[in-house]
Amino acid sequence: MSPLEPHIQPFAWRWVFGSMVIFIVLELAMGEGMARVLEGRVLSDGTGMLLRNGLQLAAFFIGGLTIGVVSPKMRLIEPALGAAGCMLFIGALTWMTPVRFYSFGGIQLIVACAVSFVVALAGAWMGERVMGNV
């Protein structure tokens, strides 16, 4: 029996989907705050995309951290899968847009899912560490 075994919960899809909701809400809230800060300023497309991607990664980390703190026992994989699920959802939405500039697929989608998975996993691990479960 490993020392982490008493803290581990069985896998639960509701935490995956709940994580997705938390990530989306956080990203919207942080995006609204950023829009207020940058109101009236001119940004290049590259800078705007950098800010959007940074907000997305911050939302995955903070959301994972939040889930790590509020979950009753250890939840590491669920928020990470939720972040990858968000990227798949975004990928599906871009496939339906007529503008090819924002569309991505294949290897880009796999890399985006992997990066979001790792960032949310790091956030969840930090949250569990704060709670003393790791």
C-alpha atoms as a PDB file:
ATOM      1  CA  MET A   1       0.000   0.000   0.000  1.00  0.00           C
ATOM      2  CA  SER A   2       1.480   3.336  -1.073  1.00  0.00           C
ATOM      3  CA  PRO A   3       1.380   6.359   1.251  1.00  0.00           C
ATOM      4  CA  LEU A   4      -0.895   8.173  -1.225  1.00  0.00           C
ATOM      5  CA  GLU A   5      -3.442   5.348  -1.463  1.00  0.00           C
ATOM      6  CA  PRO A   6      -5.724   6.493   1.409  1.00  0.00           C
ATOM      7  CA  HIS A   7      -6.033   9.923  -0.260  1.00  0.00           C
ATOM      8  CA  ILE A   8      -6.869   8.719  -3.774  1.00  0.00           C
ATOM      9  CA  GLN A   9     -10.495   8.793  -4.883  1.00  0.00           C
ATOM     10  CA  PRO A  10     -11.970   6.634  -7.630  1.00  0.00           C
ATOM     11  CA  PHE A  11     -12.123   8.350 -11.011  1.00  0.00           C
ATOM     12  CA  ALA A  12     -15.247  10.513 -11.432  1.00  0.00           C
ATOM     13  CA  TRP A  13     -16.450  12.031 -14.713  1.00  0.00           C
ATOM     14  CA  ARG A  14     -18.388  14.716 -12.837  1.00  0.00           C
ATOM     15  CA  TRP A  15     -15.055  16.195 -11.707  1.00  0.00           C
ATOM     16  CA  VAL A  16     -13.827  16.204 -15.321  1.00  0.00           C
ATOM     17  CA  PHE A  17     -16.910  18.074 -16.563  1.00  0.00           C
ATOM     18  CA  GLY A  18     -16.948  20.284 -13.465  1.00  0.00           C
ATOM     19  CA  SER A  19     -13.312  21.138 -14.181  1.00  0.00           C
ATOM     20  CA  MET A  20     -14.224  22.143 -17.716  1.00  0.00           C
ATOM     21  CA  VAL A  21     -16.889  24.505 -16.392  1.00  0.00           C
ATOM     22  CA  ILE A  22     -14.471  25.990 -13.859  1.00  0.00           C
ATOM     23  CA  PHE A  23     -11.817  26.517 -16.552  1.00  0.00           C
ATOM     24  CA  ILE A  24     -14.277  28.255 -18.882  1.00  0.00           C
ATOM     25  CA  VAL A  25     -15.675  30.493 -16.125  1.00  0.00           C
ATOM     26  CA  LEU A  26     -12.178  31.439 -14.957  1.00  0.00           C
ATOM     27  CA  GLU A  27     -11.036  32.223 -18.476  1.00  0.00           C
ATOM     28  CA  LEU A  28     -14.109  34.379 -19.113  1.00  0.00           C
ATOM     29  CA  ALA A  29     -13.675  36.240 -15.824  1.00  0.00           C
ATOM     30  CA  MET A  30      -9.962  36.820 -16.359  1.00  0.00           C
ATOM     31  CA  GLY A  31     -10.592  37.816 -19.978  1.00  0.00           C
ATOM     32  CA  GLU A  32     -13.171  40.370 -18.865  1.00  0.00           C
ATOM     33  CA  GLY A  33     -10.685  41.786 -16.357  1.00  0.00           C
ATOM     34  CA  MET A  34      -7.965  41.932 -18.996  1.00  0.00           C
ATOM     35  CA  ALA A  35     -10.348  43.648 -21.430  1.00  0.00           C
ATOM     36  CA  ARG A  36     -11.035  46.348 -18.845  1.00  0.00           C
ATOM     37  CA  VAL A  37      -7.301  46.874 -18.256  1.00  0.00           C
ATOM     38  CA  LEU A  38      -6.519  47.056 -21.971  1.00  0.00           C
ATOM     39  CA  GLU A  39      -9.582  49.069 -22.979  1.00  0.00           C
ATOM     40  CA  GLY A  40      -8.695  51.710 -25.576  1.00  0.00           C
ATOM     41  CA  ARG A  41      -5.197  50.355 -26.202  1.00  0.00           C
ATOM     42  CA  VAL A  42      -4.017  49.119 -29.568  1.00  0.00           C
ATOM     43  CA  LEU A  43      -2.560  45.614 -29.622  1.00  0.00           C
ATOM     44  CA  SER A  44      -1.083  43.671 -32.493  1.00  0.00           C
ATOM     45  CA  ASP A  45      -2.709  40.377 -33.416  1.00  0.00           C
ATOM     46  CA  GLY A  46       0.320  38.527 -32.061  1.00  0.00           C
ATOM     47  CA  THR A  47       0.181  40.299 -28.707  1.00  0.00           C
ATOM     48  CA  GLY A  48      -3.546  39.683 -28.424  1.00  0.00           C
ATOM     49  CA  MET A  49      -3.097  35.994 -29.163  1.00  0.00           C
ATOM     50  CA  LEU A  50      -0.242  35.778 -26.649  1.00  0.00           C
ATOM     51  CA  LEU A  51      -2.475  37.335 -23.972  1.00  0.00           C
ATOM     52  CA  ARG A  52      -5.383  35.007 -24.812  1.00  0.00           C
ATOM     53  CA  ASN A  53      -3.171  31.930 -24.677  1.00  0.00           C
ATOM     54  CA  GLY A  54      -1.593  33.115 -21.427  1.00  0.00           C
ATOM     55  CA  LEU A  55      -5.026  33.625 -19.890  1.00  0.00           C
ATOM     56  CA  GLN A  56      -6.041  30.163 -21.002  1.00  0.00           C
ATOM     57  CA  LEU A  57      -2.996  28.547 -19.403  1.00  0.00           C
ATOM     58  CA  ALA A  58      -3.481  30.616 -16.234  1.00  0.00           C
ATOM     59  CA  ALA A  59      -7.116  29.477 -16.085  1.00  0.00           C
ATOM     60  CA  PHE A  60      -6.021  25.835 -16.381  1.00  0.00           C
ATOM     61  CA  PHE A  61      -3.458  26.238 -13.597  1.00  0.00           C
ATOM     62  CA  ILE A  62      -5.722  28.227 -11.243  1.00  0.00           C
ATOM     63  CA  GLY A  63      -8.656  25.916 -11.969  1.00  0.00           C
ATOM     64  CA  GLY A  64      -6.544  22.843 -11.253  1.00  0.00           C
ATOM     65  CA  LEU A  65      -5.300  24.486  -8.059  1.00  0.00           C
ATOM     66  CA  THR A  66      -8.874  25.260  -7.012  1.00  0.00           C
ATOM     67  CA  ILE A  67     -10.024  21.699  -7.635  1.00  0.00           C
ATOM     68  CA  GLY A  68      -7.023  20.370  -5.731  1.00  0.00           C
ATOM     69  CA  VAL A  69      -8.019  22.509  -2.749  1.00  0.00           C
ATOM     70  CA  VAL A  70     -11.801  21.958  -2.769  1.00  0.00           C
ATOM     71  CA  SER A  71     -11.964  18.264  -3.678  1.00  0.00           C
ATOM     72  CA  PRO A  72     -12.542  16.035  -0.641  1.00  0.00           C
ATOM     73  CA  LYS A  73      -9.591  13.758  -1.417  1.00  0.00           C
ATOM     74  CA  MET A  74      -6.923  13.674  -4.091  1.00  0.00           C
ATOM     75  CA  ARG A  75      -8.071  14.571  -7.618  1.00  0.00           C
ATOM     76  CA  LEU A  76      -5.201  14.946 -10.064  1.00  0.00           C
ATOM     77  CA  ILE A  77      -6.253  13.311 -13.310  1.00  0.00           C
ATOM     78  CA  GLU A  78      -9.783  14.749 -13.516  1.00  0.00           C
ATOM     79  CA  PRO A  79      -8.813  18.438 -13.849  1.00  0.00           C
ATOM     80  CA  ALA A  80      -6.044  17.492 -16.276  1.00  0.00           C
ATOM     81  CA  LEU A  81      -8.511  15.594 -18.463  1.00  0.00           C
ATOM     82  CA  GLY A  82     -10.934  18.512 -18.150  1.00  0.00           C
ATOM     83  CA  ALA A  83      -8.287  20.885 -19.528  1.00  0.00           C
ATOM     84  CA  ALA A  84      -7.578  18.554 -22.446  1.00  0.00           C
ATOM     85  CA  GLY A  85     -11.345  18.301 -22.981  1.00  0.00           C
ATOM     86  CA  CYS A  86     -11.580  22.090 -23.144  1.00  0.00           C
ATOM     87  CA  MET A  87      -8.901  22.116 -25.841  1.00  0.00           C
ATOM     88  CA  LEU A  88     -10.778  19.454 -27.802  1.00  0.00           C
ATOM     89  CA  PHE A  89     -13.932  21.551 -27.479  1.00  0.00           C
ATOM     90  CA  ILE A  90     -12.090  24.648 -28.725  1.00  0.00           C
ATOM     91  CA  GLY A  91     -10.647  22.579 -31.576  1.00  0.00           C
ATOM     92  CA  ALA A  92     -14.130  21.442 -32.548  1.00  0.00           C
ATOM     93  CA  LEU A  93     -15.331  25.046 -32.534  1.00  0.00           C
ATOM     94  CA  THR A  94     -12.462  26.173 -34.762  1.00  0.00           C
ATOM     95  CA  TRP A  95     -13.274  23.443 -37.268  1.00  0.00           C
ATOM     96  CA  MET A  96     -16.660  25.136 -37.699  1.00  0.00           C
ATOM     97  CA  THR A  97     -15.287  28.649 -38.279  1.00  0.00           C
ATOM     98  CA  PRO A  98     -14.939  29.907 -41.828  1.00  0.00           C
ATOM     99  CA  VAL A  99     -11.656  31.697 -41.009  1.00  0.00           C
ATOM    100  CA  ARG A 100      -8.748  29.291 -41.505  1.00  0.00           C
ATOM    101  CA  PHE A 101      -6.285  31.499 -39.583  1.00  0.00           C
ATOM    102  CA  TYR A 102      -7.731  30.419 -36.235  1.00  0.00           C
ATOM    103  CA  SER A 103      -8.304  26.827 -37.228  1.00  0.00           C
ATOM    104  CA  PHE A 104      -5.942  24.155 -35.996  1.00  0.00           C
ATOM    105  CA  GLY A 105      -5.900  20.407 -35.974  1.00  0.00           C
ATOM    106  CA  GLY A 106      -3.715  17.333 -36.040  1.00  0.00           C
ATOM    107  CA  ILE A 107      -0.412  17.746 -34.253  1.00  0.00           C
ATOM    108  CA  GLN A 108      -1.293  21.266 -33.026  1.00  0.00           C
ATOM    109  CA  LEU A 109      -4.379  19.928 -31.284  1.00  0.00           C
ATOM    110  CA  ILE A 110      -2.426  17.079 -29.703  1.00  0.00           C
ATOM    111  CA  VAL A 111       0.248  19.477 -28.430  1.00  0.00           C
ATOM    112  CA  ALA A 112      -2.404  21.905 -27.113  1.00  0.00           C
ATOM    113  CA  CYS A 113      -4.156  19.061 -25.263  1.00  0.00           C
ATOM    114  CA  ALA A 114      -0.849  17.813 -23.818  1.00  0.00           C
ATOM    115  CA  VAL A 115       0.233  21.278 -22.641  1.00  0.00           C
ATOM    116  CA  SER A 116      -3.158  22.031 -21.081  1.00  0.00           C
ATOM    117  CA  PHE A 117      -3.161  18.585 -19.429  1.00  0.00           C
ATOM    118  CA  VAL A 118       0.261  19.217 -17.845  1.00  0.00           C
ATOM    119  CA  VAL A 119      -0.596  22.770 -16.709  1.00  0.00           C
ATOM    120  CA  ALA A 120      -3.877  21.668 -15.071  1.00  0.00           C
ATOM    121  CA  LEU A 121      -2.130  18.648 -13.530  1.00  0.00           C
ATOM    122  CA  ALA A 122       0.521  20.966 -12.053  1.00  0.00           C
ATOM    123  CA  GLY A 123      -2.209  23.203 -10.627  1.00  0.00           C
ATOM    124  CA  ALA A 124      -4.088  20.244  -9.142  1.00  0.00           C
ATOM    125  CA  TRP A 125      -0.880  18.856  -7.667  1.00  0.00           C
ATOM    126  CA  MET A 126      -0.140  22.243  -6.071  1.00  0.00           C
ATOM    127  CA  GLY A 127      -3.668  22.368  -4.651  1.00  0.00           C
ATOM    128  CA  GLU A 128      -3.338  18.871  -3.223  1.00  0.00           C
ATOM    129  CA  ARG A 129       0.031  19.808  -1.787  1.00  0.00           C
ATOM    130  CA  VAL A 130      -1.490  22.858  -0.084  1.00  0.00           C
ATOM    131  CA  MET A 131      -4.108  20.559   1.449  1.00  0.00           C
ATOM    132  CA  GLY A 132      -1.436  18.080   2.588  1.00  0.00           C
ATOM    133  CA  ASN A 133      -2.604  15.203   0.391  1.00  0.00           C
ATOM    134  CA  VAL A 134       0.685  14.950  -1.531  1.00  0.00           C
END
